[in-house]
Amino acid sequence: MTITAAVGRPIPPVLTAICDEFGGPIPVGSYAKIGGDEIGREIVRSIGDSPAILMKNHGVFTVGKTPEAAVKAAVMVEDVARTVFYALQLGQPGEIPPEDATRAHRRYLEEYGQSQLANSAPSGKSFLRSTFNQEK
């Protein structure tokens, strides 16, 4: 369900699962040409603290401390995108307030059994930022 990437819309935090896994809306980055480092630079510019980003006209990109964590985030994006898409067919779902989303995410990472996974490997975002923030 990367249809939201095709139209350049973020996925709003209307489910607690979105808050738990992503800490807020799943952001969308601008279109970037393939074949160079433009996509990586746009991901770093736009991803914020989320482990996932929708890249306009491309699709989902994820990062994680392990390959498994990045794949989990990708699967979660597709799952919540599908649910949000269906919910929008029925009306406008209410967004969870940012402070509640942040609290849910922190609880998920620190108290819900995710802390061992979170502390097991270096951050994928740290690698991306160090790679694409360097001047050539």
C-alpha atoms as a PDB file:
ATOM      1  CA  MET A   1       0.000   0.000   0.000  1.00  0.00           C
ATOM      2  CA  THR A   2       2.673   2.512  -0.931  1.00  0.00           C
ATOM      3  CA  ILE A   3      -0.107   4.508  -2.575  1.00  0.00           C
ATOM      4  CA  THR A   4       0.529   7.204  -0.001  1.00  0.00           C
ATOM      5  CA  ALA A   5       4.069   7.558  -1.371  1.00  0.00           C
ATOM      6  CA  ALA A   6       2.685   7.860  -4.900  1.00  0.00           C
ATOM      7  CA  VAL A   7       0.595  10.855  -3.878  1.00  0.00           C
ATOM      8  CA  GLY A   8       3.172  12.268  -1.450  1.00  0.00           C
ATOM      9  CA  ARG A   9       1.116  12.019   1.741  1.00  0.00           C
ATOM     10  CA  PRO A  10       2.457  11.056   5.160  1.00  0.00           C
ATOM     11  CA  ILE A  11       0.627   8.398   7.158  1.00  0.00           C
ATOM     12  CA  PRO A  12      -0.986  10.120  10.149  1.00  0.00           C
ATOM     13  CA  PRO A  13      -0.814   8.631  13.649  1.00  0.00           C
ATOM     14  CA  VAL A  14      -4.412   7.423  13.891  1.00  0.00           C
ATOM     15  CA  LEU A  15      -3.572   4.013  15.397  1.00  0.00           C
ATOM     16  CA  THR A  16      -1.661   3.198  18.553  1.00  0.00           C
ATOM     17  CA  ALA A  17       0.431   0.776  16.454  1.00  0.00           C
ATOM     18  CA  ILE A  18       1.691   3.745  14.428  1.00  0.00           C
ATOM     19  CA  CYS A  19       2.607   5.593  17.620  1.00  0.00           C
ATOM     20  CA  ASP A  20       4.277   2.549  19.155  1.00  0.00           C
ATOM     21  CA  GLU A  21       6.443   1.698  16.174  1.00  0.00           C
ATOM     22  CA  PHE A  22       7.053   5.117  14.572  1.00  0.00           C
ATOM     23  CA  GLY A  23       6.470   7.674  17.335  1.00  0.00           C
ATOM     24  CA  GLY A  24       4.208   9.837  15.189  1.00  0.00           C
ATOM     25  CA  PRO A  25       3.314  10.271  11.544  1.00  0.00           C
ATOM     26  CA  ILE A  26       5.278   8.327   8.969  1.00  0.00           C
ATOM     27  CA  PRO A  27       6.905  11.166   7.023  1.00  0.00           C
ATOM     28  CA  VAL A  28       7.101  11.613   3.280  1.00  0.00           C
ATOM     29  CA  GLY A  29      10.180  12.875   1.468  1.00  0.00           C
ATOM     30  CA  SER A  30      10.278  14.718  -1.822  1.00  0.00           C
ATOM     31  CA  TYR A  31      10.869  12.974  -5.114  1.00  0.00           C
ATOM     32  CA  ALA A  32      14.559  12.314  -5.757  1.00  0.00           C
ATOM     33  CA  LYS A  33      16.206  11.041  -8.930  1.00  0.00           C
ATOM     34  CA  ILE A  34      17.626   7.521  -8.927  1.00  0.00           C
ATOM     35  CA  GLY A  35      21.187   6.756  -9.871  1.00  0.00           C
ATOM     36  CA  GLY A  36      22.992   9.020  -7.431  1.00  0.00           C
ATOM     37  CA  ASP A  37      22.926   9.915  -3.778  1.00  0.00           C
ATOM     38  CA  GLU A  38      19.889  12.219  -4.039  1.00  0.00           C
ATOM     39  CA  ILE A  39      17.534   9.631  -2.513  1.00  0.00           C
ATOM     40  CA  GLY A  40      19.838   9.059   0.463  1.00  0.00           C
ATOM     41  CA  ARG A  41      20.198  12.782   1.040  1.00  0.00           C
ATOM     42  CA  GLU A  42      16.433  13.311   0.910  1.00  0.00           C
ATOM     43  CA  ILE A  43      15.844  10.420   3.307  1.00  0.00           C
ATOM     44  CA  VAL A  44      18.290  11.898   5.812  1.00  0.00           C
ATOM     45  CA  ARG A  45      16.728  15.350   5.399  1.00  0.00           C
ATOM     46  CA  SER A  46      13.145  14.150   5.873  1.00  0.00           C
ATOM     47  CA  ILE A  47      13.066  10.995   8.032  1.00  0.00           C
ATOM     48  CA  GLY A  48      13.355  12.708  11.415  1.00  0.00           C
ATOM     49  CA  ASP A  49      13.228  10.190  14.265  1.00  0.00           C
ATOM     50  CA  SER A  50      11.057   7.685  12.404  1.00  0.00           C
ATOM     51  CA  PRO A  51      12.463   4.315  11.323  1.00  0.00           C
ATOM     52  CA  ALA A  52      10.484   4.673   8.085  1.00  0.00           C
ATOM     53  CA  ILE A  53       9.841   7.209   5.379  1.00  0.00           C
ATOM     54  CA  LEU A  54       7.698   7.286   2.286  1.00  0.00           C
ATOM     55  CA  MET A  55       9.593   8.711  -0.650  1.00  0.00           C
ATOM     56  CA  LYS A  56       7.304  10.471  -3.118  1.00  0.00           C
ATOM     57  CA  ASN A  57       6.969   8.486  -6.339  1.00  0.00           C
ATOM     58  CA  HIS A  58       9.260   5.733  -4.991  1.00  0.00           C
ATOM     59  CA  GLY A  59       7.852   3.918  -1.977  1.00  0.00           C
ATOM     60  CA  VAL A  60       8.874   2.918   1.519  1.00  0.00           C
ATOM     61  CA  PHE A  61      12.411   3.151   2.867  1.00  0.00           C
ATOM     62  CA  THR A  62      13.254   1.960   6.373  1.00  0.00           C
ATOM     63  CA  VAL A  63      16.210   1.910   8.726  1.00  0.00           C
ATOM     64  CA  GLY A  64      16.907  -0.097  11.836  1.00  0.00           C
ATOM     65  CA  LYS A  65      19.568  -1.186  14.242  1.00  0.00           C
ATOM     66  CA  THR A  66      19.422  -4.595  12.572  1.00  0.00           C
ATOM     67  CA  PRO A  67      18.188  -5.779   9.180  1.00  0.00           C
ATOM     68  CA  GLU A  68      15.318  -7.500  11.000  1.00  0.00           C
ATOM     69  CA  ALA A  69      14.271  -4.217  12.633  1.00  0.00           C
ATOM     70  CA  ALA A  70      14.262  -2.449   9.251  1.00  0.00           C
ATOM     71  CA  VAL A  71      12.186  -5.236   7.690  1.00  0.00           C
ATOM     72  CA  LYS A  72       9.775  -5.135  10.641  1.00  0.00           C
ATOM     73  CA  ALA A  73       9.315  -1.388  10.098  1.00  0.00           C
ATOM     74  CA  ALA A  74       8.667  -1.945   6.376  1.00  0.00           C
ATOM     75  CA  VAL A  75       6.035  -4.597   7.095  1.00  0.00           C
ATOM     76  CA  MET A  76       4.417  -2.347   9.707  1.00  0.00           C
ATOM     77  CA  VAL A  77       4.282   0.568   7.234  1.00  0.00           C
ATOM     78  CA  GLU A  78       2.424  -1.529   4.696  1.00  0.00           C
ATOM     79  CA  ASP A  79       0.048  -2.880   7.346  1.00  0.00           C
ATOM     80  CA  VAL A  80      -0.860   0.479   8.876  1.00  0.00           C
ATOM     81  CA  ALA A  81      -1.051   2.151   5.450  1.00  0.00           C
ATOM     82  CA  ARG A  82      -3.662  -0.384   4.401  1.00  0.00           C
ATOM     83  CA  THR A  83      -5.676   0.131   7.584  1.00  0.00           C
ATOM     84  CA  VAL A  84      -5.500   3.930   7.342  1.00  0.00           C
ATOM     85  CA  PHE A  85      -6.507   3.800   3.667  1.00  0.00           C
ATOM     86  CA  TYR A  86      -9.603   1.753   4.531  1.00  0.00           C
ATOM     87  CA  ALA A  87     -10.430   4.015   7.479  1.00  0.00           C
ATOM     88  CA  LEU A  88     -10.300   7.048   5.182  1.00  0.00           C
ATOM     89  CA  GLN A  89     -12.944   5.423   2.998  1.00  0.00           C
ATOM     90  CA  LEU A  90     -15.326   5.588   5.964  1.00  0.00           C
ATOM     91  CA  GLY A  91     -14.460   9.103   7.097  1.00  0.00           C
ATOM     92  CA  GLN A  92     -11.700  11.141   8.683  1.00  0.00           C
ATOM     93  CA  PRO A  93     -10.010   9.213  11.511  1.00  0.00           C
ATOM     94  CA  GLY A  94      -8.893  11.308  14.465  1.00  0.00           C
ATOM     95  CA  GLU A  95      -5.165  11.724  14.940  1.00  0.00           C
ATOM     96  CA  ILE A  96      -3.537  10.783  18.223  1.00  0.00           C
ATOM     97  CA  PRO A  97      -2.026  13.942  19.804  1.00  0.00           C
ATOM     98  CA  PRO A  98       1.775  14.269  19.391  1.00  0.00           C
ATOM     99  CA  GLU A  99       2.476  14.071  23.133  1.00  0.00           C
ATOM    100  CA  ASP A 100       0.464  10.840  23.389  1.00  0.00           C
ATOM    101  CA  ALA A 101       2.255   9.419  20.335  1.00  0.00           C
ATOM    102  CA  THR A 102       5.642  10.243  21.858  1.00  0.00           C
ATOM    103  CA  ARG A 103       4.676   8.702  25.195  1.00  0.00           C
ATOM    104  CA  ALA A 104       3.386   5.528  23.524  1.00  0.00           C
ATOM    105  CA  HIS A 105       6.569   5.196  21.464  1.00  0.00           C
ATOM    106  CA  ARG A 106       8.806   5.660  24.492  1.00  0.00           C
ATOM    107  CA  ARG A 107       6.781   3.094  26.474  1.00  0.00           C
ATOM    108  CA  TYR A 108       6.931   0.662  23.564  1.00  0.00           C
ATOM    109  CA  LEU A 109      10.720   0.971  23.346  1.00  0.00           C
ATOM    110  CA  GLU A 110      11.474   1.015  27.060  1.00  0.00           C
ATOM    111  CA  GLU A 111       8.790  -1.112  28.711  1.00  0.00           C
ATOM    112  CA  TYR A 112       7.217  -3.349  26.107  1.00  0.00           C
ATOM    113  CA  GLY A 113      10.107  -5.755  25.495  1.00  0.00           C
ATOM    114  CA  GLN A 114      11.752  -3.777  22.711  1.00  0.00           C
ATOM    115  CA  SER A 115      14.684  -2.428  24.729  1.00  0.00           C
ATOM    116  CA  GLN A 116      16.909  -5.464  24.144  1.00  0.00           C
ATOM    117  CA  LEU A 117      16.421  -5.168  20.388  1.00  0.00           C
ATOM    118  CA  ALA A 118      16.934  -1.401  20.502  1.00  0.00           C
ATOM    119  CA  ASN A 119      20.279  -1.753  22.301  1.00  0.00           C
ATOM    120  CA  SER A 120      21.666  -4.645  20.285  1.00  0.00           C
ATOM    121  CA  ALA A 121      23.260  -2.912  17.294  1.00  0.00           C
ATOM    122  CA  PRO A 122      24.265   0.490  15.912  1.00  0.00           C
ATOM    123  CA  SER A 123      21.531   2.692  14.523  1.00  0.00           C
ATOM    124  CA  GLY A 124      20.785   2.510  10.815  1.00  0.00           C
ATOM    125  CA  LYS A 125      19.908   6.214  10.894  1.00  0.00           C
ATOM    126  CA  SER A 126      23.327   7.051  12.339  1.00  0.00           C
ATOM    127  CA  PHE A 127      24.957   5.251   9.427  1.00  0.00           C
ATOM    128  CA  LEU A 128      22.744   7.016   6.868  1.00  0.00           C
ATOM    129  CA  ARG A 129      23.311  10.426   8.397  1.00  0.00           C
ATOM    130  CA  SER A 130      27.075   9.973   8.545  1.00  0.00           C
ATOM    131  CA  THR A 131      27.141   8.702   4.959  1.00  0.00           C
ATOM    132  CA  PHE A 132      24.918  11.300   3.307  1.00  0.00           C
ATOM    133  CA  ASN A 133      25.794  14.358   5.383  1.00  0.00           C
ATOM    134  CA  GLN A 134      29.405  14.249   4.236  1.00  0.00           C
ATOM    135  CA  GLU A 135      30.418  16.679   1.502  1.00  0.00           C
ATOM    136  CA  LYS A 136      31.878  15.109  -1.601  1.00  0.00           C
END
